[in-house]
Amino acid sequence: MIPVYAHGFFNVCRDGTIVQHIIFNYVDPGRRYSQIIKDPEKLEKELQVVSSNMQKFLDSEEVLINGARVYPKVIATWIGFSGSEERPYIEFLIVFKGEFREGINTYEDRYEPDIAEYDYCVTWVFPQGSRIVDVDVGFEYEIIGGNVLRFNVLEGSETPGYEKISFYLENP
């Protein structure tokens, strides 16, 4: 399987919950996943393997909200196809929670720097009425409507190993 693209969506809730939805797109010329998905036992085993691998990756990161460590957890994983059996995707639903306060809140993520093997896009949606005040993700970014952050990472780019997003929140 060849990774070709990924989307990461972070939905930030006023109560401090962050719901992360990641979709990895692949090209599978040998149609390995089309065989796996037809066998319920093989599918269950593959879902367990990819979920475990993602959880290990998440556990290697240090994620902080307002300076306190939080622990992202994979709560669901799906495998499907984007139009053909040669275009599988793996989809993860990840949740974590921190303590927000009125005023400025900060999300930080420390991870091992790497070279992106494929293009990907990340979108953060903060609660209505909040506003993003500072961003350090290592790449050019766009803020839309004050509360939506979006950035792209191109294949071959070096990831910085650190991300920080600060946002203003009233009445958490």
Protein backbone atom coordinates (compact mmCIF):
# COMPACT_ATOMS: atom_id res chain seq x y z
CA MET A 1 0.00 0.00 0.00
CA ILE A 2 1.22 3.44 -0.93
CA PRO A 3 0.13 6.44 1.20
CA VAL A 4 -1.04 9.30 -1.03
CA TYR A 5 -2.91 11.86 1.10
CA ALA A 6 -4.39 12.51 4.55
CA HIS A 7 -6.94 14.84 6.11
CA GLY A 8 -6.94 15.73 9.80
CA PHE A 9 -9.94 17.47 11.34
CA PHE A 10 -9.93 18.75 14.93
CA ASN A 11 -13.24 19.91 16.38
CA VAL A 12 -12.76 21.79 19.64
CA CYS A 13 -15.72 21.80 22.03
CA ARG A 14 -16.35 24.48 24.61
CA ASP A 15 -16.11 21.91 27.45
CA GLY A 16 -12.48 21.09 26.58
CA THR A 17 -13.16 18.00 24.49
CA ILE A 18 -11.27 17.75 21.23
CA VAL A 19 -12.54 15.31 18.61
CA GLN A 20 -9.90 14.42 16.05
CA HIS A 21 -10.90 12.72 12.81
CA ILE A 22 -8.08 11.52 10.52
CA ILE A 23 -8.47 9.90 7.11
CA PHE A 24 -5.44 8.34 5.39
CA ASN A 25 -5.81 7.63 1.66
CA TYR A 26 -3.78 4.94 -0.10
CA VAL A 27 -3.22 3.31 -3.45
CA ASP A 28 -3.29 -0.48 -3.15
CA PRO A 29 -2.31 -1.92 -6.55
CA GLY A 30 -2.36 -5.48 -5.18
CA ARG A 31 -5.85 -4.95 -3.72
CA ARG A 32 -4.70 -6.40 -0.39
CA TYR A 33 -7.37 -4.51 1.54
CA SER A 34 -10.15 -5.68 -0.76
CA GLN A 35 -9.29 -9.25 0.28
CA ILE A 36 -9.02 -8.35 3.97
CA ILE A 37 -12.34 -6.53 4.06
CA LYS A 38 -14.17 -9.59 2.66
CA ASP A 39 -13.07 -11.75 5.62
CA PRO A 40 -14.57 -10.56 8.94
CA GLU A 41 -11.80 -12.18 11.01
CA LYS A 42 -9.01 -10.67 8.90
CA LEU A 43 -10.76 -7.30 8.94
CA GLU A 44 -11.09 -7.34 12.73
CA LYS A 45 -7.42 -8.27 13.10
CA GLU A 46 -6.33 -5.50 10.69
CA LEU A 47 -8.48 -2.94 12.51
CA GLN A 48 -6.86 -3.96 15.79
CA VAL A 49 -3.36 -3.68 14.29
CA VAL A 50 -3.85 -0.24 12.71
CA SER A 51 -5.67 1.05 15.83
CA SER A 52 -2.86 -0.17 18.05
CA ASN A 53 -0.23 1.38 15.77
CA MET A 54 -2.05 4.72 15.79
CA GLN A 55 -2.42 4.60 19.58
CA LYS A 56 1.33 3.93 19.96
CA PHE A 57 2.03 6.92 17.73
CA LEU A 58 -0.31 9.12 19.81
CA ASP A 59 1.25 7.86 23.05
CA SER A 60 4.68 8.94 21.80
CA GLU A 61 3.49 12.55 21.54
CA GLU A 62 3.28 14.98 24.44
CA VAL A 63 -0.02 16.83 24.10
CA LEU A 64 -0.72 19.68 26.53
CA ILE A 65 -3.76 21.86 27.08
CA ASN A 66 -2.98 24.90 29.20
CA GLY A 67 0.22 23.19 30.33
CA ALA A 68 -1.47 19.98 31.55
CA ARG A 69 -0.78 16.72 29.73
CA VAL A 70 -3.74 15.10 28.00
CA TYR A 71 -3.92 11.68 26.37
CA PRO A 72 -5.52 11.27 22.93
CA LYS A 73 -7.27 7.90 22.56
CA VAL A 74 -8.35 6.06 19.44
CA ILE A 75 -12.02 5.27 19.97
CA ALA A 76 -12.95 3.95 16.51
CA THR A 77 -11.24 2.84 13.30
CA TRP A 78 -12.72 2.08 9.90
CA ILE A 79 -11.37 0.77 6.61
CA GLY A 80 -13.14 1.49 3.34
CA PHE A 81 -12.63 2.42 -0.30
CA SER A 82 -12.70 5.69 -2.20
CA GLY A 83 -14.33 4.69 -5.46
CA SER A 84 -12.35 1.53 -6.20
CA GLU A 85 -10.70 -1.41 -4.48
CA GLU A 86 -7.32 0.08 -5.40
CA ARG A 87 -8.04 3.25 -3.35
CA PRO A 88 -8.50 2.22 0.31
CA TYR A 89 -8.64 4.57 3.25
CA ILE A 90 -8.15 4.14 6.97
CA GLU A 91 -10.21 6.43 9.18
CA PHE A 92 -9.58 7.12 12.86
CA LEU A 93 -11.74 8.81 15.46
CA ILE A 94 -9.64 10.11 18.36
CA VAL A 95 -10.81 11.99 21.45
CA PHE A 96 -9.07 13.84 24.26
CA LYS A 97 -10.08 16.41 26.84
CA GLY A 98 -8.44 19.25 28.69
CA GLU A 99 -9.52 21.97 31.07
CA PHE A 100 -10.41 25.20 29.30
CA ARG A 101 -10.71 28.52 31.07
CA GLU A 102 -12.17 31.87 30.19
CA GLY A 103 -9.61 33.88 28.24
CA ILE A 104 -6.55 32.51 26.46
CA ASN A 105 -6.19 28.72 26.15
CA THR A 106 -3.25 26.90 24.60
CA TYR A 107 -2.89 23.57 22.83
CA GLU A 108 0.66 22.23 22.43
CA ASP A 109 1.96 19.06 20.82
CA ARG A 110 5.56 17.84 21.00
CA TYR A 111 6.45 14.96 18.71
CA GLU A 112 9.39 13.50 16.84
CA PRO A 113 10.21 15.67 13.79
CA ASP A 114 9.84 13.80 10.52
CA ILE A 115 9.74 14.17 6.75
CA ALA A 116 6.18 14.06 5.36
CA GLU A 117 5.80 10.98 3.13
CA TYR A 118 2.66 12.42 1.48
CA ASP A 119 0.67 15.64 1.31
CA TYR A 120 -1.86 16.30 4.05
CA CYS A 121 -4.23 19.00 5.20
CA VAL A 122 -5.17 19.88 8.78
CA THR A 123 -8.28 21.82 9.81
CA TRP A 124 -9.05 23.00 13.34
CA VAL A 125 -12.53 24.28 14.17
CA PHE A 126 -12.81 26.15 17.46
CA PRO A 127 -16.15 26.97 19.14
CA GLN A 128 -18.34 29.68 17.66
CA GLY A 129 -17.42 33.02 19.24
CA SER A 130 -13.85 31.99 20.07
CA ARG A 131 -10.89 33.38 18.17
CA ILE A 132 -7.46 32.07 17.35
CA VAL A 133 -4.79 34.44 18.66
CA ASP A 134 -1.46 32.69 17.99
CA VAL A 135 -0.34 29.81 15.77
CA ASP A 136 2.99 28.00 15.51
CA VAL A 137 2.62 24.87 13.36
CA GLY A 138 5.75 25.20 11.24
CA PHE A 139 3.85 25.84 8.02
CA GLU A 140 1.94 28.67 6.41
CA TYR A 141 -1.64 28.69 7.63
CA GLU A 142 -4.95 30.40 7.09
CA ILE A 143 -7.42 31.59 9.73
CA ILE A 144 -11.01 31.73 8.53
CA GLY A 145 -13.70 33.64 10.43
CA GLY A 146 -11.45 33.98 13.45
CA ASN A 147 -12.09 30.44 14.70
CA VAL A 148 -11.05 28.06 11.88
CA LEU A 149 -7.40 27.20 11.25
CA ARG A 150 -6.25 25.38 8.13
CA PHE A 151 -2.80 24.41 6.87
CA ASN A 152 -1.27 22.08 4.32
CA VAL A 153 1.89 20.00 4.52
CA LEU A 154 3.55 18.92 1.30
CA GLU A 155 5.31 15.62 0.73
CA GLY A 156 8.99 15.99 1.55
CA SER A 157 8.44 18.81 4.06
CA GLU A 158 10.15 18.54 7.43
CA THR A 159 7.68 18.63 10.30
CA PRO A 160 8.89 20.81 13.18
CA GLY A 161 8.22 18.49 16.12
CA TYR A 162 6.23 21.16 17.91
CA GLU A 163 2.85 22.81 17.40
CA LYS A 164 1.17 25.49 19.47
CA ILE A 165 -2.22 27.08 19.00
CA SER A 166 -3.60 29.70 21.37
CA PHE A 167 -7.21 30.82 21.28
CA TYR A 168 -9.49 33.13 23.23
CA LEU A 169 -12.63 31.57 24.71
CA GLU A 170 -15.45 33.24 26.62
CA ASN A 171 -17.54 31.27 29.12
CA PRO A 172 -16.07 27.78 28.65
